[in-house]
PDB file of N, CA and C in Angstrom:
ATOM      1  N   ASP A   1     -14.476  10.412 -22.806  1.00  0.00           N
ATOM      2  CA  ASP A   1     -13.650   9.410 -23.396  1.00  0.00           C
ATOM      3  C   ASP A   1     -13.218   8.386 -22.452  1.00  0.00           C
ATOM      4  N   PHE A   2     -13.367   7.156 -22.836  1.00  0.00           N
ATOM      5  CA  PHE A   2     -13.122   5.956 -22.086  1.00  0.00           C
ATOM      6  C   PHE A   2     -11.715   5.521 -22.092  1.00  0.00           C
ATOM      7  N   SER A   3     -10.860   6.021 -22.938  1.00  0.00           N
ATOM      8  CA  SER A   3      -9.551   5.396 -23.150  1.00  0.00           C
ATOM      9  C   SER A   3      -8.479   5.662 -22.016  1.00  0.00           C
ATOM     10  N   CYS A   4      -8.795   6.707 -21.198  1.00  0.00           N
ATOM     11  CA  CYS A   4      -7.808   6.920 -20.100  1.00  0.00           C
ATOM     12  C   CYS A   4      -8.095   6.019 -18.841  1.00  0.00           C
ATOM     13  N   GLY A   5      -9.210   5.341 -18.749  1.00  0.00           N
ATOM     14  CA  GLY A   5      -9.560   4.438 -17.695  1.00  0.00           C
ATOM     15  C   GLY A   5     -10.352   5.060 -16.580  1.00  0.00           C
ATOM     16  N   PHE A   6     -10.521   6.458 -16.538  1.00  0.00           N
ATOM     17  CA  PHE A   6     -11.194   7.040 -15.541  1.00  0.00           C
ATOM     18  C   PHE A   6     -12.730   6.503 -15.390  1.00  0.00           C
ATOM     19  N   LEU A   7     -13.312   6.502 -16.587  1.00  0.00           N
ATOM     20  CA  LEU A   7     -14.772   6.214 -16.551  1.00  0.00           C
ATOM     21  C   LEU A   7     -15.034   4.784 -16.156  1.00  0.00           C
ATOM     22  N   PHE A   8     -14.094   3.816 -16.564  1.00  0.00           N
ATOM     23  CA  PHE A   8     -14.184   2.512 -16.138  1.00  0.00           C
ATOM     24  C   PHE A   8     -14.194   2.301 -14.544  1.00  0.00           C
ATOM     25  N   GLN A   9     -13.242   3.032 -14.136  1.00  0.00           N
ATOM     26  CA  GLN A   9     -13.064   2.951 -12.661  1.00  0.00           C
ATOM     27  C   GLN A   9     -14.178   3.593 -11.910  1.00  0.00           C
ATOM     28  N   GLU A  10     -14.832   4.721 -12.356  1.00  0.00           N
ATOM     29  CA  GLU A  10     -16.040   5.251 -11.688  1.00  0.00           C
ATOM     30  C   GLU A  10     -17.120   4.342 -11.906  1.00  0.00           C
ATOM     31  N   LEU A  11     -17.283   3.751 -13.152  1.00  0.00           N
ATOM     32  CA  LEU A  11     -18.471   2.753 -13.310  1.00  0.00           C
ATOM     33  C   LEU A  11     -18.499   1.635 -12.417  1.00  0.00           C
ATOM     34  N   PHE A  12     -17.129   1.031 -12.273  1.00  0.00           N
ATOM     35  CA  PHE A  12     -16.987  -0.060 -11.357  1.00  0.00           C
ATOM     36  C   PHE A  12     -17.262   0.292  -9.866  1.00  0.00           C
ATOM     37  N   ASN A  13     -16.866   1.391  -9.465  1.00  0.00           N
ATOM     38  CA  ASN A  13     -17.202   1.896  -8.181  1.00  0.00           C
ATOM     39  C   ASN A  13     -18.601   1.954  -7.880  1.00  0.00           C
ATOM     40  N   ILE A  14     -19.384   2.528  -8.971  1.00  0.00           N
ATOM     41  CA  ILE A  14     -20.782   2.678  -8.725  1.00  0.00           C
ATOM     42  C   ILE A  14     -21.481   1.430  -8.795  1.00  0.00           C
ATOM     43  N   LEU A  15     -21.247   0.513  -9.693  1.00  0.00           N
ATOM     44  CA  LEU A  15     -21.848  -0.820  -9.800  1.00  0.00           C
ATOM     45  C   LEU A  15     -21.529  -1.723  -8.637  1.00  0.00           C
ATOM     46  N   TYR A  16     -20.378  -1.647  -8.042  1.00  0.00           N
ATOM     47  CA  TYR A  16     -20.013  -2.555  -6.934  1.00  0.00           C
ATOM     48  C   TYR A  16     -20.027  -1.793  -5.585  1.00  0.00           C
ATOM     49  N   ASP A  17     -20.501  -0.609  -5.571  1.00  0.00           N
ATOM     50  CA  ASP A  17     -20.555   0.113  -4.372  1.00  0.00           C
ATOM     51  C   ASP A  17     -19.234   0.224  -3.656  1.00  0.00           C
ATOM     52  N   GLU A  18     -18.234   0.592  -4.360  1.00  0.00           N
ATOM     53  CA  GLU A  18     -16.804   0.610  -3.710  1.00  0.00           C
ATOM     54  C   GLU A  18     -16.219   1.912  -3.826  1.00  0.00           C
ATOM     55  N   LYS A  19     -15.058   2.036  -3.286  1.00  0.00           N
ATOM     56  CA  LYS A  19     -14.304   3.346  -3.488  1.00  0.00           C
ATOM     57  C   LYS A  19     -12.847   2.917  -3.802  1.00  0.00           C
ATOM     58  N   ILE A  20     -12.667   2.044  -4.984  1.00  0.00           N
ATOM     59  CA  ILE A  20     -11.279   1.631  -5.305  1.00  0.00           C
ATOM     60  C   ILE A  20     -10.653   2.820  -6.065  1.00  0.00           C
ATOM     61  N   ASP A  21      -9.465   3.039  -5.767  1.00  0.00           N
ATOM     62  CA  ASP A  21      -8.572   4.065  -6.385  1.00  0.00           C
ATOM     63  C   ASP A  21      -7.454   3.374  -6.927  1.00  0.00           C
ATOM     64  N   CYS A  22      -7.424   3.279  -8.264  1.00  0.00           N
ATOM     65  CA  CYS A  22      -6.216   2.499  -8.774  1.00  0.00           C
ATOM     66  C   CYS A  22      -4.962   3.517  -9.079  1.00  0.00           C
ATOM     67  N   CYS A  23      -5.150   4.684  -8.566  1.00  0.00           N
ATOM     68  CA  CYS A  23      -4.008   5.669  -8.752  1.00  0.00           C
ATOM     69  C   CYS A  23      -3.630   5.989 -10.150  1.00  0.00           C
ATOM     70  N   LEU A  24      -4.754   6.100 -10.981  1.00  0.00           N
ATOM     71  CA  LEU A  24      -4.555   6.312 -12.333  1.00  0.00           C
ATOM     72  C   LEU A  24      -3.867   7.747 -12.622  1.00  0.00           C
ATOM     73  N   GLU A  25      -3.045   7.781 -13.623  1.00  0.00           N
ATOM     74  CA  GLU A  25      -2.265   9.091 -13.885  1.00  0.00           C
ATOM     75  C   GLU A  25      -3.011   9.914 -14.785  1.00  0.00           C
ATOM     76  N   GLY A  26      -3.050  11.300 -14.387  1.00  0.00           N
ATOM     77  CA  GLY A  26      -3.558  12.396 -15.140  1.00  0.00           C
ATOM     78  C   GLY A  26      -5.088  12.379 -15.238  1.00  0.00           C
ATOM     79  N   VAL A  27      -5.815  11.853 -14.355  1.00  0.00           N
ATOM     80  CA  VAL A  27      -7.247  11.827 -14.558  1.00  0.00           C
ATOM     81  C   VAL A  27      -7.890  11.919 -13.072  1.00  0.00           C
ATOM     82  N   LYS A  28      -7.284  12.661 -12.134  1.00  0.00           N
ATOM     83  CA  LYS A  28      -7.805  12.980 -10.872  1.00  0.00           C
ATOM     84  C   LYS A  28      -9.155  13.729 -10.836  1.00  0.00           C
ATOM     85  N   GLU A  29      -9.374  14.683 -11.832  1.00  0.00           N
ATOM     86  CA  GLU A  29     -10.540  15.449 -11.873  1.00  0.00           C
ATOM     87  C   GLU A  29     -11.577  14.906 -12.867  1.00  0.00           C
ATOM     88  N   GLY A  30     -11.169  13.915 -13.730  1.00  0.00           N
ATOM     89  CA  GLY A  30     -12.126  13.368 -14.734  1.00  0.00           C
ATOM     90  C   GLY A  30     -11.349  12.890 -15.955  1.00  0.00           C
ATOM     91  N   PRO A  31     -12.014  12.459 -16.947  1.00  0.00           N
ATOM     92  CA  PRO A  31     -11.605  11.800 -18.098  1.00  0.00           C
ATOM     93  C   PRO A  31     -10.540  12.724 -18.822  1.00  0.00           C
ATOM     94  N   ASN A  32      -9.430  12.239 -19.377  1.00  0.00           N
ATOM     95  CA  ASN A  32      -8.494  13.187 -19.954  1.00  0.00           C
ATOM     96  C   ASN A  32      -8.011  12.502 -21.294  1.00  0.00           C
ATOM     97  N   PRO A  33      -8.783  12.740 -22.417  1.00  0.00           N
ATOM     98  CA  PRO A  33      -8.410  12.074 -23.705  1.00  0.00           C
ATOM     99  C   PRO A  33      -7.087  12.587 -24.262  1.00  0.00           C
ATOM    100  N   ARG A  34      -6.457  13.513 -23.655  1.00  0.00           N
ATOM    101  CA  ARG A  34      -5.171  14.150 -24.177  1.00  0.00           C
ATOM    102  C   ARG A  34      -4.044  13.348 -23.615  1.00  0.00           C
ATOM    103  N   LEU A  35      -4.250  12.409 -22.750  1.00  0.00           N
ATOM    104  CA  LEU A  35      -3.017  11.743 -22.277  1.00  0.00           C
ATOM    105  C   LEU A  35      -2.422  11.004 -23.245  1.00  0.00           C
ATOM    106  N   PRO A  36      -0.952  10.922 -23.058  1.00  0.00           N
ATOM    107  CA  PRO A  36      -0.280  10.190 -23.929  1.00  0.00           C
ATOM    108  C   PRO A  36      -0.679   8.620 -24.059  1.00  0.00           C
ATOM    109  N   TYR A  37      -0.523   7.920 -25.129  1.00  0.00           N
ATOM    110  CA  TYR A  37      -0.863   6.556 -25.251  1.00  0.00           C
ATOM    111  C   TYR A  37      -0.200   5.740 -24.182  1.00  0.00           C
ATOM    112  N   GLU A  38       1.004   5.866 -23.853  1.00  0.00           N
ATOM    113  CA  GLU A  38       1.714   5.043 -22.915  1.00  0.00           C
ATOM    114  C   GLU A  38       1.161   5.265 -21.496  1.00  0.00           C
ATOM    115  N   THR A  39       0.699   6.420 -21.182  1.00  0.00           N
ATOM    116  CA  THR A  39      -0.029   6.633 -19.876  1.00  0.00           C
ATOM    117  C   THR A  39      -1.250   6.012 -19.835  1.00  0.00           C
ATOM    118  N   ARG A  40      -2.099   6.060 -20.994  1.00  0.00           N
ATOM    119  CA  ARG A  40      -3.396   5.409 -20.879  1.00  0.00           C
ATOM    120  C   ARG A  40      -3.247   3.917 -20.844  1.00  0.00           C
ATOM    121  N   VAL A  41      -2.181   3.274 -21.524  1.00  0.00           N
ATOM    122  CA  VAL A  41      -1.904   1.841 -21.348  1.00  0.00           C
ATOM    123  C   VAL A  41      -1.534   1.490 -19.881  1.00  0.00           C
ATOM    124  N   SER A  42      -0.719   2.447 -19.366  1.00  0.00           N
ATOM    125  CA  SER A  42      -0.370   2.111 -17.785  1.00  0.00           C
ATOM    126  C   SER A  42      -1.618   2.170 -16.947  1.00  0.00           C
ATOM    127  N   ASN A  43      -2.506   3.075 -17.312  1.00  0.00           N
ATOM    128  CA  ASN A  43      -3.716   3.186 -16.419  1.00  0.00           C
ATOM    129  C   ASN A  43      -4.453   1.964 -16.573  1.00  0.00           C
ATOM    130  N   TRP A  44      -4.622   1.275 -17.708  1.00  0.00           N
ATOM    131  CA  TRP A  44      -5.350   0.063 -17.895  1.00  0.00           C
ATOM    132  C   TRP A  44      -4.602  -1.035 -17.339  1.00  0.00           C
ATOM    133  N   ASN A  45      -3.368  -1.120 -17.247  1.00  0.00           N
ATOM    134  CA  ASN A  45      -2.568  -1.972 -16.410  1.00  0.00           C
ATOM    135  C   ASN A  45      -2.793  -1.930 -14.999  1.00  0.00           C
ATOM    136  N   LYS A  46      -3.037  -0.739 -14.484  1.00  0.00           N
ATOM    137  CA  LYS A  46      -3.349  -0.520 -13.047  1.00  0.00           C
ATOM    138  C   LYS A  46      -4.711  -1.016 -12.739  1.00  0.00           C
ATOM    139  N   ILE A  47      -5.762  -0.768 -13.657  1.00  0.00           N
ATOM    140  CA  ILE A  47      -7.040  -1.211 -13.544  1.00  0.00           C
ATOM    141  C   ILE A  47      -7.109  -2.704 -13.443  1.00  0.00           C
ATOM    142  N   ASN A  48      -6.308  -3.205 -14.384  1.00  0.00           N
ATOM    143  CA  ASN A  48      -6.274  -4.812 -14.586  1.00  0.00           C
ATOM    144  C   ASN A  48      -5.779  -5.371 -13.189  1.00  0.00           C
ATOM    145  N   ALA A  49      -4.690  -4.734 -12.639  1.00  0.00           N
ATOM    146  CA  ALA A  49      -3.993  -5.232 -11.276  1.00  0.00           C
ATOM    147  C   ALA A  49      -4.975  -4.990 -10.164  1.00  0.00           C
ATOM    148  N   GLY A  50      -5.491  -3.738 -10.133  1.00  0.00           N
ATOM    149  CA  GLY A  50      -6.253  -3.393  -8.894  1.00  0.00           C
ATOM    150  C   GLY A  50      -7.712  -3.940  -8.888  1.00  0.00           C
ATOM    151  N   ILE A  51      -8.345  -3.850  -9.953  1.00  0.00           N
ATOM    152  CA  ILE A  51      -9.714  -4.308  -9.932  1.00  0.00           C
ATOM    153  C   ILE A  51      -9.886  -5.865 -10.371  1.00  0.00           C
ATOM    154  N   CYS A  52      -9.394  -6.066 -11.488  1.00  0.00           N
ATOM    155  CA  CYS A  52      -9.542  -7.465 -12.092  1.00  0.00           C
ATOM    156  C   CYS A  52      -8.817  -8.464 -11.276  1.00  0.00           C
ATOM    157  N   PHE A  53      -7.491  -8.380 -10.964  1.00  0.00           N
ATOM    158  CA  PHE A  53      -6.839  -9.403 -10.259  1.00  0.00           C
ATOM    159  C   PHE A  53      -7.118  -9.305  -8.818  1.00  0.00           C
ATOM    160  N   ASN A  54      -7.055  -8.081  -8.144  1.00  0.00           N
ATOM    161  CA  ASN A  54      -7.337  -8.184  -6.755  1.00  0.00           C
ATOM    162  C   ASN A  54      -8.716  -8.220  -6.283  1.00  0.00           C
ATOM    163  N   TYR A  55      -9.516  -7.427  -6.776  1.00  0.00           N
ATOM    164  CA  TYR A  55     -11.034  -7.255  -6.337  1.00  0.00           C
ATOM    165  C   TYR A  55     -11.773  -8.454  -6.874  1.00  0.00           C
ATOM    166  N   LEU A  56     -11.830  -8.680  -8.263  1.00  0.00           N
ATOM    167  CA  LEU A  56     -12.534  -9.805  -8.849  1.00  0.00           C
ATOM    168  C   LEU A  56     -11.894 -11.064  -8.807  1.00  0.00           C
ATOM    169  N   GLN A  57     -10.568 -11.059  -8.314  1.00  0.00           N
ATOM    170  CA  GLN A  57      -9.757 -12.318  -8.234  1.00  0.00           C
ATOM    171  C   GLN A  57      -9.810 -13.083  -9.583  1.00  0.00           C
ATOM    172  N   GLN A  58      -9.535 -12.455 -10.626  1.00  0.00           N
ATOM    173  CA  GLN A  58      -9.226 -13.017 -12.020  1.00  0.00           C
ATOM    174  C   GLN A  58     -10.626 -13.636 -12.562  1.00  0.00           C
ATOM    175  N   GLN A  59     -11.587 -13.449 -11.967  1.00  0.00           N
ATOM    176  CA  GLN A  59     -12.838 -13.949 -12.633  1.00  0.00           C
ATOM    177  C   GLN A  59     -13.118 -13.236 -13.907  1.00  0.00           C
ATOM    178  N   PHE A  60     -12.599 -12.048 -14.084  1.00  0.00           N
ATOM    179  CA  PHE A  60     -12.617 -11.223 -15.327  1.00  0.00           C
ATOM    180  C   PHE A  60     -11.374 -10.416 -15.244  1.00  0.00           C
ATOM    181  N   TYR A  61     -10.687 -10.354 -16.258  1.00  0.00           N
ATOM    182  CA  TYR A  61      -9.499  -9.542 -16.546  1.00  0.00           C
ATOM    183  C   TYR A  61      -9.357  -9.178 -18.108  1.00  0.00           C
ATOM    184  N   PHE A  62      -8.456  -8.167 -18.259  1.00  0.00           N
ATOM    185  CA  PHE A  62      -8.084  -7.730 -19.551  1.00  0.00           C
ATOM    186  C   PHE A  62      -6.756  -8.338 -20.123  1.00  0.00           C
ATOM    187  N   VAL A  63      -6.867  -8.875 -21.281  1.00  0.00           N
ATOM    188  CA  VAL A  63      -5.599  -9.391 -21.829  1.00  0.00           C
ATOM    189  C   VAL A  63      -4.906  -8.264 -22.496  1.00  0.00           C
ATOM    190  N   GLN A  64      -3.640  -8.470 -22.811  1.00  0.00           N
ATOM    191  CA  GLN A  64      -2.794  -7.231 -23.303  1.00  0.00           C
ATOM    192  C   GLN A  64      -3.379  -6.529 -24.519  1.00  0.00           C
ATOM    193  N   GLY A  65      -3.801  -7.364 -25.433  1.00  0.00           N
ATOM    194  CA  GLY A  65      -4.500  -6.814 -26.615  1.00  0.00           C
ATOM    195  C   GLY A  65      -5.551  -5.972 -26.410  1.00  0.00           C
ATOM    196  N   THR A  66      -6.463  -6.356 -25.452  1.00  0.00           N
ATOM    197  CA  THR A  66      -7.729  -5.594 -25.140  1.00  0.00           C
ATOM    198  C   THR A  66      -7.234  -4.215 -24.388  1.00  0.00           C
ATOM    199  N   MET A  67      -6.256  -4.335 -23.607  1.00  0.00           N
ATOM    200  CA  MET A  67      -5.863  -3.012 -22.921  1.00  0.00           C
ATOM    201  C   MET A  67      -5.295  -2.030 -23.929  1.00  0.00           C
ATOM    202  N   LEU A  68      -4.482  -2.491 -24.935  1.00  0.00           N
ATOM    203  CA  LEU A  68      -3.925  -1.709 -25.901  1.00  0.00           C
ATOM    204  C   LEU A  68      -5.056  -1.033 -26.697  1.00  0.00           C
ATOM    205  N   THR A  69      -6.021  -1.793 -27.145  1.00  0.00           N
ATOM    206  CA  THR A  69      -7.275  -1.420 -27.929  1.00  0.00           C
ATOM    207  C   THR A  69      -7.978  -0.333 -27.037  1.00  0.00           C
ATOM    208  N   LEU A  70      -8.211  -0.562 -25.818  1.00  0.00           N
ATOM    209  CA  LEU A  70      -8.823   0.396 -24.942  1.00  0.00           C
ATOM    210  C   LEU A  70      -8.201   1.662 -24.924  1.00  0.00           C
ATOM    211  N   ALA A  71      -6.813   1.500 -24.731  1.00  0.00           N
ATOM    212  CA  ALA A  71      -6.008   2.887 -24.565  1.00  0.00           C
ATOM    213  C   ALA A  71      -5.984   3.626 -25.932  1.00  0.00           C
ATOM    214  N   LYS A  72      -6.116   2.981 -26.977  1.00  0.00           N
ATOM    215  CA  LYS A  72      -6.287   3.723 -28.310  1.00  0.00           C
ATOM    216  C   LYS A  72      -7.561   4.637 -28.366  1.00  0.00           C
ATOM    217  N   GLY A  73      -8.621   4.033 -27.857  1.00  0.00           N
ATOM    218  CA  GLY A  73      -9.961   4.783 -27.730  1.00  0.00           C
ATOM    219  C   GLY A  73     -10.702   4.905 -29.112  1.00  0.00           C
ATOM    220  N   LYS A  74     -10.155   4.225 -30.159  1.00  0.00           N
ATOM    221  CA  LYS A  74     -10.848   4.492 -31.399  1.00  0.00           C
ATOM    222  C   LYS A  74     -11.383   3.312 -32.155  1.00  0.00           C
ATOM    223  N   ALA A  75     -11.097   2.111 -31.579  1.00  0.00           N
ATOM    224  CA  ALA A  75     -11.537   0.914 -32.238  1.00  0.00           C
ATOM    225  C   ALA A  75     -12.984   0.531 -32.046  1.00  0.00           C
ATOM    226  N   ASN A  76     -13.625  -0.178 -32.930  1.00  0.00           N
ATOM    227  CA  ASN A  76     -15.054  -0.528 -32.830  1.00  0.00           C
ATOM    228  C   ASN A  76     -15.049  -1.788 -32.076  1.00  0.00           C
ATOM    229  N   THR A  77     -14.171  -2.542 -32.181  1.00  0.00           N
ATOM    230  CA  THR A  77     -14.176  -3.913 -31.496  1.00  0.00           C
ATOM    231  C   THR A  77     -12.994  -4.198 -30.697  1.00  0.00           C
ATOM    232  N   LEU A  78     -13.173  -5.100 -29.627  1.00  0.00           N
ATOM    233  CA  LEU A  78     -12.075  -5.347 -28.821  1.00  0.00           C
ATOM    234  C   LEU A  78     -11.298  -6.511 -29.332  1.00  0.00           C
ATOM    235  N   THR A  79     -10.029  -6.507 -29.012  1.00  0.00           N
ATOM    236  CA  THR A  79      -9.144  -7.593 -29.533  1.00  0.00           C
ATOM    237  C   THR A  79      -8.732  -8.424 -28.261  1.00  0.00           C
ATOM    238  N   ALA A  80      -8.830  -9.791 -28.638  1.00  0.00           N
ATOM    239  CA  ALA A  80      -8.586 -10.818 -27.475  1.00  0.00           C
ATOM    240  C   ALA A  80      -7.067 -11.012 -27.505  1.00  0.00           C
TER     241      ALA A  80
END
């Protein structure tokens, strides 16, 4: 399940050969689809701050609607 942010962080670290830890909640051992929605949104906000704004220097970032959609984990399309 991608909605908790764990797999995005792992994929980023593999693709960019990094070891960035965004201190995501509830996913130390792996993806956790049972996290509350608010925690998943918080995790995506941490990814946005730690990876998109700091590492990628805003060349790519998530807008609020996209983070909410990702946290839901069920939509077929992203929201801008």
